């Protein structure tokens, strides 16, 4: 099977100027029981099942756009039809749920702090 090219995408390659947060997860994320993953997945599934009615415009980089298209394509190769919009809504709902559950130690909190250092 042909590679989807995700590994070659600049979004998935570490650069010398990379300022990402270290990959070690916080203690509560590392010990999250599997049941909790199911709860999060169900929360996101229910949110994304409902058609969004509000319009939003967000600027993304060419690499981010390409990565979204590659993800959609790889799912399509596996027989699952998805869209950039669906993937974006999954990501947004994951961040919202994580932030509500762990306001001071959420992925969103940690990344925003790292961006503004």
PDB file of N, CA and C in Angstrom:
ATOM      1  N   UNK A   1       0.842  -1.173   0.000  1.00  0.00           N
ATOM      2  CA  UNK A   1       0.000   0.000   0.000  1.00  0.00           C
ATOM      3  C   UNK A   1       0.887   1.236   0.000  1.00  0.00           C
ATOM      4  N   UNK A   2       0.499   2.237  -0.751  1.00  0.00           N
ATOM      5  CA  UNK A   2       1.258   3.462  -0.871  1.00  0.00           C
ATOM      6  C   UNK A   2       1.107   4.308   0.392  1.00  0.00           C
ATOM      7  N   UNK A   3       2.196   4.921   0.829  1.00  0.00           N
ATOM      8  CA  UNK A   3       2.172   5.777   2.023  1.00  0.00           C
ATOM      9  C   UNK A   3       1.336   7.010   1.756  1.00  0.00           C
ATOM     10  N   UNK A   4       0.649   7.490   2.798  1.00  0.00           N
ATOM     11  CA  UNK A   4      -0.185   8.676   2.640  1.00  0.00           C
ATOM     12  C   UNK A   4       0.654   9.937   2.592  1.00  0.00           C
ATOM     13  N   UNK A   5       1.932   9.852   2.937  1.00  0.00           N
ATOM     14  CA  UNK A   5       2.794  11.017   2.885  1.00  0.00           C
ATOM     15  C   UNK A   5       2.747  11.852   4.153  1.00  0.00           C
ATOM     16  N   UNK A   6       2.008  11.418   5.170  1.00  0.00           N
ATOM     17  CA  UNK A   6       1.906  12.208   6.403  1.00  0.00           C
ATOM     18  C   UNK A   6       3.263  12.367   7.064  1.00  0.00           C
ATOM     19  N   UNK A   7       4.062  11.309   7.070  1.00  0.00           N
ATOM     20  CA  UNK A   7       5.365  11.379   7.729  1.00  0.00           C
ATOM     21  C   UNK A   7       6.279  12.384   7.029  1.00  0.00           C
ATOM     22  N   UNK A   8       6.075  12.589   5.714  1.00  0.00           N
ATOM     23  CA  UNK A   8       6.904  13.513   4.972  1.00  0.00           C
ATOM     24  C   UNK A   8       6.441  14.959   5.121  1.00  0.00           C
ATOM     25  N   UNK A   9       5.232  15.163   5.627  1.00  0.00           N
ATOM     26  CA  UNK A   9       4.679  16.502   5.777  1.00  0.00           C
ATOM     27  C   UNK A   9       5.499  17.306   6.761  1.00  0.00           C
ATOM     28  N   UNK A  10       5.739  18.595   6.468  1.00  0.00           N
ATOM     29  CA  UNK A  10       6.491  19.450   7.389  1.00  0.00           C
ATOM     30  C   UNK A  10       5.868  19.501   8.778  1.00  0.00           C
ATOM     31  N   UNK A  11       4.580  19.293   8.896  1.00  0.00           N
ATOM     32  CA  UNK A  11       3.940  19.321  10.213  1.00  0.00           C
ATOM     33  C   UNK A  11       4.392  18.164  11.086  1.00  0.00           C
ATOM     34  N   UNK A  12       4.860  17.089  10.474  1.00  0.00           N
ATOM     35  CA  UNK A  12       5.238  15.911  11.220  1.00  0.00           C
ATOM     36  C   UNK A  12       6.750  15.759  11.321  1.00  0.00           C
ATOM     37  N   UNK A  13       7.492  16.772  10.873  1.00  0.00           N
ATOM     38  CA  UNK A  13       8.937  16.722  10.937  1.00  0.00           C
ATOM     39  C   UNK A  13       9.438  17.772  11.913  1.00  0.00           C
ATOM     40  N   UNK A  14      10.365  17.380  12.776  1.00  0.00           N
ATOM     41  CA  UNK A  14      10.928  18.305  13.749  1.00  0.00           C
ATOM     42  C   UNK A  14      11.962  19.170  13.047  1.00  0.00           C
ATOM     43  N   UNK A  15      11.919  20.460  13.315  1.00  0.00           N
ATOM     44  CA  UNK A  15      12.857  21.409  12.726  1.00  0.00           C
ATOM     45  C   UNK A  15      13.769  21.918  13.821  1.00  0.00           C
ATOM     46  N   UNK A  16      14.928  22.486  13.428  1.00  0.00           N
ATOM     47  CA  UNK A  16      15.862  23.037  14.399  1.00  0.00           C
ATOM     48  C   UNK A  16      15.220  24.159  15.206  1.00  0.00           C
ATOM     49  N   UNK A  17      14.302  24.895  14.601  1.00  0.00           N
ATOM     50  CA  UNK A  17      13.663  26.019  15.278  1.00  0.00           C
ATOM     51  C   UNK A  17      12.375  25.604  15.968  1.00  0.00           C
ATOM     52  N   UNK A  18      12.161  24.313  16.074  1.00  0.00           N
ATOM     53  CA  UNK A  18      10.927  23.791  16.659  1.00  0.00           C
ATOM     54  C   UNK A  18      10.838  24.189  18.129  1.00  0.00           C
ATOM     55  N   UNK A  19       9.693  24.766  18.512  1.00  0.00           N
ATOM     56  CA  UNK A  19       9.500  25.192  19.898  1.00  0.00           C
ATOM     57  C   UNK A  19       8.365  24.424  20.549  1.00  0.00           C
ATOM     58  N   UNK A  20       8.147  23.201  20.077  1.00  0.00           N
ATOM     59  CA  UNK A  20       7.063  22.403  20.644  1.00  0.00           C
ATOM     60  C   UNK A  20       7.345  22.080  22.098  1.00  0.00           C
ATOM     61  N   UNK A  21       6.264  21.822  22.824  1.00  0.00           N
ATOM     62  CA  UNK A  21       6.362  21.404  24.212  1.00  0.00           C
ATOM     63  C   UNK A  21       7.004  20.025  24.234  1.00  0.00           C
ATOM     64  N   UNK A  22       7.849  19.736  25.216  1.00  0.00           N
ATOM     65  CA  UNK A  22       8.445  18.396  25.284  1.00  0.00           C
ATOM     66  C   UNK A  22       7.371  17.319  25.226  1.00  0.00           C
ATOM     67  N   UNK A  23       7.723  16.183  24.641  1.00  0.00           N
ATOM     68  CA  UNK A  23       6.728  15.149  24.382  1.00  0.00           C
ATOM     69  C   UNK A  23       6.256  14.414  25.632  1.00  0.00           C
ATOM     70  N   UNK A  24       6.897  14.598  26.768  1.00  0.00           N
ATOM     71  CA  UNK A  24       6.454  13.906  27.977  1.00  0.00           C
ATOM     72  C   UNK A  24       5.088  14.429  28.401  1.00  0.00           C
ATOM     73  N   UNK A  25       4.100  13.556  28.485  1.00  0.00           N
ATOM     74  CA  UNK A  25       2.762  13.998  28.860  1.00  0.00           C
ATOM     75  C   UNK A  25       2.704  14.365  30.333  1.00  0.00           C
ATOM     76  N   UNK A  26       1.729  15.202  30.677  1.00  0.00           N
ATOM     77  CA  UNK A  26       1.531  15.528  32.077  1.00  0.00           C
ATOM     78  C   UNK A  26       1.054  14.277  32.797  1.00  0.00           C
ATOM     79  N   UNK A  27       1.173  14.271  34.101  1.00  0.00           N
ATOM     80  CA  UNK A  27       0.853  13.067  34.845  1.00  0.00           C
ATOM     81  C   UNK A  27      -0.594  12.628  34.669  1.00  0.00           C
ATOM     82  N   UNK A  28      -1.539  13.572  34.603  1.00  0.00           N
ATOM     83  CA  UNK A  28      -2.930  13.147  34.476  1.00  0.00           C
ATOM     84  C   UNK A  28      -3.238  12.618  33.083  1.00  0.00           C
ATOM     85  N   UNK A  29      -2.538  13.084  32.062  1.00  0.00           N
ATOM     86  CA  UNK A  29      -2.752  12.554  30.720  1.00  0.00           C
ATOM     87  C   UNK A  29      -2.113  11.170  30.584  1.00  0.00           C
ATOM     88  N   UNK A  30      -0.974  10.969  31.234  1.00  0.00           N
ATOM     89  CA  UNK A  30      -0.266   9.700  31.121  1.00  0.00           C
ATOM     90  C   UNK A  30      -1.022   8.576  31.815  1.00  0.00           C
ATOM     91  N   UNK A  31      -1.793   8.901  32.845  1.00  0.00           N
ATOM     92  CA  UNK A  31      -2.480   7.868  33.598  1.00  0.00           C
ATOM     93  C   UNK A  31      -3.968   7.814  33.301  1.00  0.00           C
ATOM     94  N   UNK A  32      -4.399   8.455  32.222  1.00  0.00           N
ATOM     95  CA  UNK A  32      -5.816   8.482  31.874  1.00  0.00           C
ATOM     96  C   UNK A  32      -6.294   7.057  31.585  1.00  0.00           C
ATOM     97  N   UNK A  33      -7.268   6.568  32.361  1.00  0.00           N
ATOM     98  CA  UNK A  33      -7.737   5.206  32.132  1.00  0.00           C
ATOM     99  C   UNK A  33      -8.448   5.070  30.790  1.00  0.00           C
ATOM    100  N   UNK A  34      -8.419   3.875  30.192  1.00  0.00           N
ATOM    101  CA  UNK A  34      -9.054   3.663  28.895  1.00  0.00           C
ATOM    102  C   UNK A  34     -10.525   4.072  28.869  1.00  0.00           C
ATOM    103  N   UNK A  35     -11.263   3.871  29.981  1.00  0.00           N
ATOM    104  CA  UNK A  35     -12.676   4.261  30.005  1.00  0.00           C
ATOM    105  C   UNK A  35     -12.821   5.751  29.706  1.00  0.00           C
ATOM    106  N   UNK A  36     -11.904   6.542  30.235  1.00  0.00           N
ATOM    107  CA  UNK A  36     -11.980   7.975  30.025  1.00  0.00           C
ATOM    108  C   UNK A  36     -11.843   8.307  28.539  1.00  0.00           C
ATOM    109  N   UNK A  37     -11.013   7.569  27.832  1.00  0.00           N
ATOM    110  CA  UNK A  37     -10.884   7.780  26.388  1.00  0.00           C
ATOM    111  C   UNK A  37     -12.229   7.534  25.709  1.00  0.00           C
ATOM    112  N   UNK A  38     -12.925   6.503  26.147  1.00  0.00           N
ATOM    113  CA  UNK A  38     -14.236   6.210  25.574  1.00  0.00           C
ATOM    114  C   UNK A  38     -15.224   7.338  25.845  1.00  0.00           C
ATOM    115  N   UNK A  39     -15.164   7.913  27.034  1.00  0.00           N
ATOM    116  CA  UNK A  39     -16.040   9.027  27.387  1.00  0.00           C
ATOM    117  C   UNK A  39     -15.730  10.235  26.499  1.00  0.00           C
ATOM    118  N   UNK A  40     -14.448  10.521  26.320  1.00  0.00           N
ATOM    119  CA  UNK A  40     -14.039  11.652  25.480  1.00  0.00           C
ATOM    120  C   UNK A  40     -14.470  11.417  24.038  1.00  0.00           C
ATOM    121  N   UNK A  41     -14.257  10.218  23.537  1.00  0.00           N
ATOM    122  CA  UNK A  41     -14.643   9.899  22.156  1.00  0.00           C
ATOM    123  C   UNK A  41     -16.149  10.052  21.972  1.00  0.00           C
ATOM    124  N   UNK A  42     -16.933   9.575  22.935  1.00  0.00           N
ATOM    125  CA  UNK A  42     -18.389   9.704  22.833  1.00  0.00           C
ATOM    126  C   UNK A  42     -18.819  11.164  22.886  1.00  0.00           C
ATOM    127  N   UNK A  43     -18.186  11.962  23.751  1.00  0.00           N
ATOM    128  CA  UNK A  43     -18.478  13.396  23.842  1.00  0.00           C
ATOM    129  C   UNK A  43     -18.232  14.063  22.485  1.00  0.00           C
ATOM    130  N   UNK A  44     -17.076  13.777  21.884  1.00  0.00           N
ATOM    131  CA  UNK A  44     -16.717  14.384  20.596  1.00  0.00           C
ATOM    132  C   UNK A  44     -17.637  13.863  19.492  1.00  0.00           C
ATOM    133  N   UNK A  45     -17.914  12.561  19.491  1.00  0.00           N
ATOM    134  CA  UNK A  45     -18.793  11.979  18.463  1.00  0.00           C
ATOM    135  C   UNK A  45     -20.150  12.656  18.468  1.00  0.00           C
ATOM    136  N   UNK A  46     -20.729  12.845  19.658  1.00  0.00           N
ATOM    137  CA  UNK A  46     -22.038  13.486  19.740  1.00  0.00           C
ATOM    138  C   UNK A  46     -21.988  14.936  19.272  1.00  0.00           C
ATOM    139  N   UNK A  47     -20.931  15.644  19.631  1.00  0.00           N
ATOM    140  CA  UNK A  47     -20.806  17.048  19.226  1.00  0.00           C
ATOM    141  C   UNK A  47     -20.675  17.172  17.710  1.00  0.00           C
ATOM    142  N   UNK A  48     -19.872  16.317  17.101  1.00  0.00           N
ATOM    143  CA  UNK A  48     -19.596  16.420  15.663  1.00  0.00           C
ATOM    144  C   UNK A  48     -20.748  15.877  14.825  1.00  0.00           C
ATOM    145  N   UNK A  49     -21.549  14.957  15.385  1.00  0.00           N
ATOM    146  CA  UNK A  49     -22.711  14.429  14.653  1.00  0.00           C
ATOM    147  C   UNK A  49     -23.699  15.524  14.286  1.00  0.00           C
ATOM    148  N   UNK A  50     -23.820  16.528  15.136  1.00  0.00           N
ATOM    149  CA  UNK A  50     -24.738  17.633  14.866  1.00  0.00           C
ATOM    150  C   UNK A  50     -24.079  18.598  13.885  1.00  0.00           C
ATOM    151  N   UNK A  51     -24.798  18.906  12.834  1.00  0.00           N
ATOM    152  CA  UNK A  51     -24.266  19.799  11.814  1.00  0.00           C
ATOM    153  C   UNK A  51     -24.055  21.185  12.390  1.00  0.00           C
ATOM    154  N   UNK A  52     -22.856  21.706  12.184  1.00  0.00           N
ATOM    155  CA  UNK A  52     -22.556  23.055  12.644  1.00  0.00           C
ATOM    156  C   UNK A  52     -23.273  24.076  11.775  1.00  0.00           C
ATOM    157  N   UNK A  53     -23.860  25.067  12.400  1.00  0.00           N
ATOM    158  CA  UNK A  53     -24.597  26.096  11.662  1.00  0.00           C
ATOM    159  C   UNK A  53     -23.844  27.427  11.619  1.00  0.00           C
ATOM    160  N   UNK A  54     -22.878  27.576  12.528  1.00  0.00           N
ATOM    161  CA  UNK A  54     -22.136  28.834  12.601  1.00  0.00           C
ATOM    162  C   UNK A  54     -20.960  28.811  11.635  1.00  0.00           C
ATOM    163  N   UNK A  55     -20.799  29.889  10.883  1.00  0.00           N
ATOM    164  CA  UNK A  55     -19.677  29.990   9.950  1.00  0.00           C
ATOM    165  C   UNK A  55     -18.450  30.501  10.701  1.00  0.00           C
ATOM    166  N   UNK A  56     -17.302  30.012  10.316  1.00  0.00           N
ATOM    167  CA  UNK A  56     -16.046  30.475  10.901  1.00  0.00           C
ATOM    168  C   UNK A  56     -14.970  30.443   9.833  1.00  0.00           C
ATOM    169  N   UNK A  57     -14.102  31.404   9.870  1.00  0.00           N
ATOM    170  CA  UNK A  57     -12.995  31.449   8.923  1.00  0.00           C
ATOM    171  C   UNK A  57     -11.707  31.479   9.725  1.00  0.00           C
ATOM    172  N   UNK A  58     -10.823  30.545   9.455  1.00  0.00           N
ATOM    173  CA  UNK A  58      -9.563  30.452  10.170  1.00  0.00           C
ATOM    174  C   UNK A  58      -8.444  30.376   9.153  1.00  0.00           C
ATOM    175  N   UNK A  59      -7.371  31.043   9.444  1.00  0.00           N
ATOM    176  CA  UNK A  59      -6.216  31.000   8.549  1.00  0.00           C
ATOM    177  C   UNK A  59      -5.306  29.863   8.984  1.00  0.00           C
ATOM    178  N   UNK A  60      -4.949  29.021   8.024  1.00  0.00           N
ATOM    179  CA  UNK A  60      -4.026  27.925   8.296  1.00  0.00           C
ATOM    180  C   UNK A  60      -2.899  27.999   7.278  1.00  0.00           C
ATOM    181  N   UNK A  61      -1.795  27.350   7.598  1.00  0.00           N
ATOM    182  CA  UNK A  61      -0.657  27.354   6.680  1.00  0.00           C
ATOM    183  C   UNK A  61      -0.890  26.357   5.551  1.00  0.00           C
ATOM    184  N   UNK A  62      -0.102  26.490   4.529  1.00  0.00           N
ATOM    185  CA  UNK A  62      -0.173  25.556   3.398  1.00  0.00           C
ATOM    186  C   UNK A  62       0.115  24.131   3.875  1.00  0.00           C
ATOM    187  N   UNK A  63       1.073  23.989   4.811  1.00  0.00           N
ATOM    188  CA  UNK A  63       1.425  22.669   5.333  1.00  0.00           C
ATOM    189  C   UNK A  63       0.272  22.068   6.129  1.00  0.00           C
ATOM    190  N   UNK A  64      -0.420  22.896   6.928  1.00  0.00           N
ATOM    191  CA  UNK A  64      -1.571  22.405   7.684  1.00  0.00           C
ATOM    192  C   UNK A  64      -2.685  21.951   6.739  1.00  0.00           C
ATOM    193  N   UNK A  65      -2.929  22.741   5.700  1.00  0.00           N
ATOM    194  CA  UNK A  65      -3.949  22.395   4.707  1.00  0.00           C
ATOM    195  C   UNK A  65      -3.594  21.080   4.014  1.00  0.00           C
ATOM    196  N   UNK A  66      -2.340  20.948   3.626  1.00  0.00           N
ATOM    197  CA  UNK A  66      -1.887  19.728   2.949  1.00  0.00           C
ATOM    198  C   UNK A  66      -2.032  18.524   3.885  1.00  0.00           C
ATOM    199  N   UNK A  67      -1.678  18.694   5.167  1.00  0.00           N
ATOM    200  CA  UNK A  67      -1.789  17.591   6.118  1.00  0.00           C
ATOM    201  C   UNK A  67      -3.246  17.168   6.288  1.00  0.00           C
ATOM    202  N   UNK A  68      -4.172  18.130   6.361  1.00  0.00           N
ATOM    203  CA  UNK A  68      -5.596  17.800   6.467  1.00  0.00           C
ATOM    204  C   UNK A  68      -6.070  17.015   5.242  1.00  0.00           C
ATOM    205  N   UNK A  69      -5.661  17.466   4.065  1.00  0.00           N
ATOM    206  CA  UNK A  69      -6.041  16.771   2.831  1.00  0.00           C
ATOM    207  C   UNK A  69      -5.471  15.356   2.798  1.00  0.00           C
ATOM    208  N   UNK A  70      -4.221  15.196   3.256  1.00  0.00           N
ATOM    209  CA  UNK A  70      -3.601  13.873   3.279  1.00  0.00           C
ATOM    210  C   UNK A  70      -4.325  12.943   4.256  1.00  0.00           C
ATOM    211  N   UNK A  71      -4.746  13.489   5.396  1.00  0.00           N
ATOM    212  CA  UNK A  71      -5.489  12.685   6.369  1.00  0.00           C
ATOM    213  C   UNK A  71      -6.815  12.235   5.757  1.00  0.00           C
ATOM    214  N   UNK A  72      -7.527  13.166   5.134  1.00  0.00           N
ATOM    215  CA  UNK A  72      -8.802  12.822   4.478  1.00  0.00           C
ATOM    216  C   UNK A  72      -8.585  11.739   3.432  1.00  0.00           C
ATOM    217  N   UNK A  73      -7.541  11.886   2.651  1.00  0.00           N
ATOM    218  CA  UNK A  73      -7.245  10.920   1.594  1.00  0.00           C
ATOM    219  C   UNK A  73      -6.926   9.546   2.180  1.00  0.00           C
ATOM    220  N   UNK A  74      -6.136   9.514   3.259  1.00  0.00           N
ATOM    221  CA  UNK A  74      -5.782   8.214   3.838  1.00  0.00           C
ATOM    222  C   UNK A  74      -7.016   7.513   4.412  1.00  0.00           C
ATOM    223  N   UNK A  75      -7.934   8.271   5.001  1.00  0.00           N
ATOM    224  CA  UNK A  75      -9.185   7.658   5.467  1.00  0.00           C
ATOM    225  C   UNK A  75      -9.998   7.156   4.290  1.00  0.00           C
ATOM    226  N   UNK A  76     -10.045   7.931   3.211  1.00  0.00           N
ATOM    227  CA  UNK A  76     -10.800   7.526   2.027  1.00  0.00           C
ATOM    228  C   UNK A  76     -10.239   6.225   1.459  1.00  0.00           C
ATOM    229  N   UNK A  77      -8.909   6.068   1.476  1.00  0.00           N
ATOM    230  CA  UNK A  77      -8.305   4.815   1.015  1.00  0.00           C
ATOM    231  C   UNK A  77      -8.752   3.639   1.867  1.00  0.00           C
ATOM    232  N   UNK A  78      -9.029   3.898   3.136  1.00  0.00           N
ATOM    233  CA  UNK A  78      -9.509   2.858   4.043  1.00  0.00           C
ATOM    234  C   UNK A  78     -11.010   2.688   4.020  1.00  0.00           C
ATOM    235  N   UNK A  79     -11.681   3.395   3.122  1.00  0.00           N
ATOM    236  CA  UNK A  79     -13.118   3.242   2.970  1.00  0.00           C
ATOM    237  C   UNK A  79     -13.958   4.132   3.868  1.00  0.00           C
ATOM    238  N   UNK A  80     -13.334   5.118   4.516  1.00  0.00           N
ATOM    239  CA  UNK A  80     -14.066   6.031   5.390  1.00  0.00           C
ATOM    240  C   UNK A  80     -14.016   7.422   4.787  1.00  0.00           C
ATOM    241  N   UNK A  81     -15.186   7.971   4.577  1.00  0.00           N
ATOM    242  CA  UNK A  81     -15.267   9.311   3.999  1.00  0.00           C
ATOM    243  C   UNK A  81     -15.329  10.335   5.121  1.00  0.00           C
ATOM    244  N   UNK A  82     -14.415  11.280   5.117  1.00  0.00           N
ATOM    245  CA  UNK A  82     -14.386  12.353   6.099  1.00  0.00           C
ATOM    246  C   UNK A  82     -14.047  13.650   5.383  1.00  0.00           C
ATOM    247  N   UNK A  83     -14.007  14.734   6.120  1.00  0.00           N
ATOM    248  CA  UNK A  83     -13.730  16.037   5.506  1.00  0.00           C
ATOM    249  C   UNK A  83     -12.813  16.848   6.406  1.00  0.00           C
ATOM    250  N   UNK A  84     -12.234  17.886   5.829  1.00  0.00           N
ATOM    251  CA  UNK A  84     -11.415  18.808   6.614  1.00  0.00           C
ATOM    252  C   UNK A  84     -12.256  19.410   7.734  1.00  0.00           C
ATOM    253  N   UNK A  85     -13.501  19.744   7.428  1.00  0.00           N
ATOM    254  CA  UNK A  85     -14.393  20.329   8.422  1.00  0.00           C
ATOM    255  C   UNK A  85     -14.617  19.363   9.591  1.00  0.00           C
ATOM    256  N   UNK A  86     -14.867  18.097   9.290  1.00  0.00           N
ATOM    257  CA  UNK A  86     -15.103  17.117  10.343  1.00  0.00           C
ATOM    258  C   UNK A  86     -13.862  16.952  11.224  1.00  0.00           C
ATOM    259  N   UNK A  87     -12.705  16.867  10.610  1.00  0.00           N
ATOM    260  CA  UNK A  87     -11.456  16.716  11.365  1.00  0.00           C
ATOM    261  C   UNK A  87     -11.203  17.953  12.231  1.00  0.00           C
ATOM    262  N   UNK A  88     -11.454  19.119  11.683  1.00  0.00           N
ATOM    263  CA  UNK A  88     -11.271  20.361  12.439  1.00  0.00           C
ATOM    264  C   UNK A  88     -12.220  20.408  13.633  1.00  0.00           C
ATOM    265  N   UNK A  89     -13.472  20.008  13.439  1.00  0.00           N
ATOM    266  CA  UNK A  89     -14.440  20.011  14.540  1.00  0.00           C
ATOM    267  C   UNK A  89     -14.066  18.989  15.607  1.00  0.00           C
ATOM    268  N   UNK A  90     -13.515  17.848  15.204  1.00  0.00           N
ATOM    269  CA  UNK A  90     -13.042  16.861  16.176  1.00  0.00           C
ATOM    270  C   UNK A  90     -11.937  17.487  17.029  1.00  0.00           C
ATOM    271  N   UNK A  91     -10.997  18.146  16.367  1.00  0.00           N
ATOM    272  CA  UNK A  91      -9.884  18.772  17.093  1.00  0.00           C
ATOM    273  C   UNK A  91     -10.382  19.857  18.044  1.00  0.00           C
ATOM    274  N   UNK A  92     -11.285  20.695  17.575  1.00  0.00           N
ATOM    275  CA  UNK A  92     -11.828  21.771  18.415  1.00  0.00           C
ATOM    276  C   UNK A  92     -12.545  21.186  19.622  1.00  0.00           C
ATOM    277  N   UNK A  93     -13.381  20.187  19.397  1.00  0.00           N
ATOM    278  CA  UNK A  93     -14.125  19.590  20.502  1.00  0.00           C
ATOM    279  C   UNK A  93     -13.211  18.850  21.475  1.00  0.00           C
ATOM    280  N   UNK A  94     -12.144  18.242  20.976  1.00  0.00           N
ATOM    281  CA  UNK A  94     -11.168  17.619  21.876  1.00  0.00           C
ATOM    282  C   UNK A  94     -10.536  18.681  22.769  1.00  0.00           C
ATOM    283  N   UNK A  95     -10.100  19.790  22.180  1.00  0.00           N
ATOM    284  CA  UNK A  95      -9.471  20.859  22.960  1.00  0.00           C
ATOM    285  C   UNK A  95     -10.431  21.451  23.981  1.00  0.00           C
ATOM    286  N   UNK A  96     -11.682  21.638  23.585  1.00  0.00           N
ATOM    287  CA  UNK A  96     -12.685  22.175  24.509  1.00  0.00           C
ATOM    288  C   UNK A  96     -12.882  21.216  25.686  1.00  0.00           C
ATOM    289  N   UNK A  97     -13.072  19.931  25.388  1.00  0.00           N
ATOM    290  CA  UNK A  97     -13.294  18.945  26.448  1.00  0.00           C
ATOM    291  C   UNK A  97     -12.084  18.861  27.373  1.00  0.00           C
ATOM    292  N   UNK A  98     -10.901  18.800  26.809  1.00  0.00           N
ATOM    293  CA  UNK A  98      -9.676  18.707  27.601  1.00  0.00           C
ATOM    294  C   UNK A  98      -9.513  19.941  28.483  1.00  0.00           C
ATOM    295  N   UNK A  99      -9.790  21.106  27.927  1.00  0.00           N
ATOM    296  CA  UNK A  99      -9.642  22.349  28.700  1.00  0.00           C
ATOM    297  C   UNK A  99     -10.668  22.438  29.829  1.00  0.00           C
ATOM    298  N   UNK A 100     -11.892  22.002  29.562  1.00  0.00           N
ATOM    299  CA  UNK A 100     -12.914  22.007  30.619  1.00  0.00           C
ATOM    300  C   UNK A 100     -12.556  21.013  31.726  1.00  0.00           C
ATOM    301  N   UNK A 101     -11.968  19.877  31.354  1.00  0.00           N
ATOM    302  CA  UNK A 101     -11.615  18.837  32.324  1.00  0.00           C
ATOM    303  C   UNK A 101     -10.361  19.172  33.123  1.00  0.00           C
ATOM    304  N   UNK A 102      -9.408  19.858  32.493  1.00  0.00           N
ATOM    305  CA  UNK A 102      -8.105  20.162  33.109  1.00  0.00           C
ATOM    306  C   UNK A 102      -7.701  21.600  32.791  1.00  0.00           C
ATOM    307  N   UNK A 103      -8.401  22.597  33.285  1.00  0.00           N
ATOM    308  CA  UNK A 103      -8.134  23.976  32.861  1.00  0.00           C
ATOM    309  C   UNK A 103      -6.675  24.415  32.987  1.00  0.00           C
ATOM    310  N   UNK A 104      -6.002  24.018  34.035  1.00  0.00           N
ATOM    311  CA  UNK A 104      -4.619  24.468  34.251  1.00  0.00           C
ATOM    312  C   UNK A 104      -3.568  23.540  33.649  1.00  0.00           C
ATOM    313  N   UNK A 105      -3.978  22.353  33.204  1.00  0.00           N
ATOM    314  CA  UNK A 105      -3.009  21.408  32.649  1.00  0.00           C
ATOM    315  C   UNK A 105      -3.492  20.817  31.329  1.00  0.00           C
ATOM    316  N   UNK A 106      -4.337  21.542  30.627  1.00  0.00           N
ATOM    317  CA  UNK A 106      -4.835  21.048  29.345  1.00  0.00           C
ATOM    318  C   UNK A 106      -3.776  21.240  28.262  1.00  0.00           C
ATOM    319  N   UNK A 107      -3.936  20.516  27.170  1.00  0.00           N
ATOM    320  CA  UNK A 107      -3.046  20.695  26.024  1.00  0.00           C
ATOM    321  C   UNK A 107      -3.104  22.153  25.564  1.00  0.00           C
ATOM    322  N   UNK A 108      -4.301  22.698  25.487  1.00  0.00           N
ATOM    323  CA  UNK A 108      -4.478  24.083  25.052  1.00  0.00           C
ATOM    324  C   UNK A 108      -3.721  25.047  25.962  1.00  0.00           C
ATOM    325  N   UNK A 109      -3.878  24.899  27.269  1.00  0.00           N
ATOM    326  CA  UNK A 109      -3.193  25.761  28.241  1.00  0.00           C
ATOM    327  C   UNK A 109      -1.684  25.682  28.056  1.00  0.00           C
ATOM    328  N   UNK A 110      -1.173  24.472  27.933  1.00  0.00           N
ATOM    329  CA  UNK A 110       0.269  24.275  27.832  1.00  0.00           C
ATOM    330  C   UNK A 110       0.837  24.845  26.534  1.00  0.00           C
ATOM    331  N   UNK A 111       0.122  24.649  25.432  1.00  0.00           N
ATOM    332  CA  UNK A 111       0.615  25.161  24.147  1.00  0.00           C
ATOM    333  C   UNK A 111       0.544  26.692  24.104  1.00  0.00           C
ATOM    334  N   UNK A 112      -0.556  27.262  24.577  1.00  0.00           N
ATOM    335  CA  UNK A 112      -0.685  28.726  24.573  1.00  0.00           C
ATOM    336  C   UNK A 112       0.402  29.348  25.454  1.00  0.00           C
ATOM    337  N   UNK A 113       0.661  28.754  26.613  1.00  0.00           N
ATOM    338  CA  UNK A 113       1.744  29.257  27.464  1.00  0.00           C
ATOM    339  C   UNK A 113       3.080  29.179  26.738  1.00  0.00           C
ATOM    340  N   UNK A 114       3.347  28.081  26.048  1.00  0.00           N
ATOM    341  CA  UNK A 114       4.607  27.922  25.326  1.00  0.00           C
ATOM    342  C   UNK A 114       4.730  28.933  24.188  1.00  0.00           C
ATOM    343  N   UNK A 115       3.631  29.206  23.505  1.00  0.00           N
ATOM    344  CA  UNK A 115       3.651  30.175  22.399  1.00  0.00           C
ATOM    345  C   UNK A 115       3.993  31.574  22.917  1.00  0.00           C
ATOM    346  N   UNK A 116       3.485  31.907  24.083  1.00  0.00           N
ATOM    347  CA  UNK A 116       3.626  33.282  24.602  1.00  0.00           C
ATOM    348  C   UNK A 116       4.796  33.457  25.562  1.00  0.00           C
ATOM    349  N   UNK A 117       5.716  32.526  25.607  1.00  0.00           N
ATOM    350  CA  UNK A 117       6.910  32.673  26.450  1.00  0.00           C
ATOM    351  C   UNK A 117       7.937  33.502  25.747  1.00  0.00           C
TER     352      UNK A 117
END
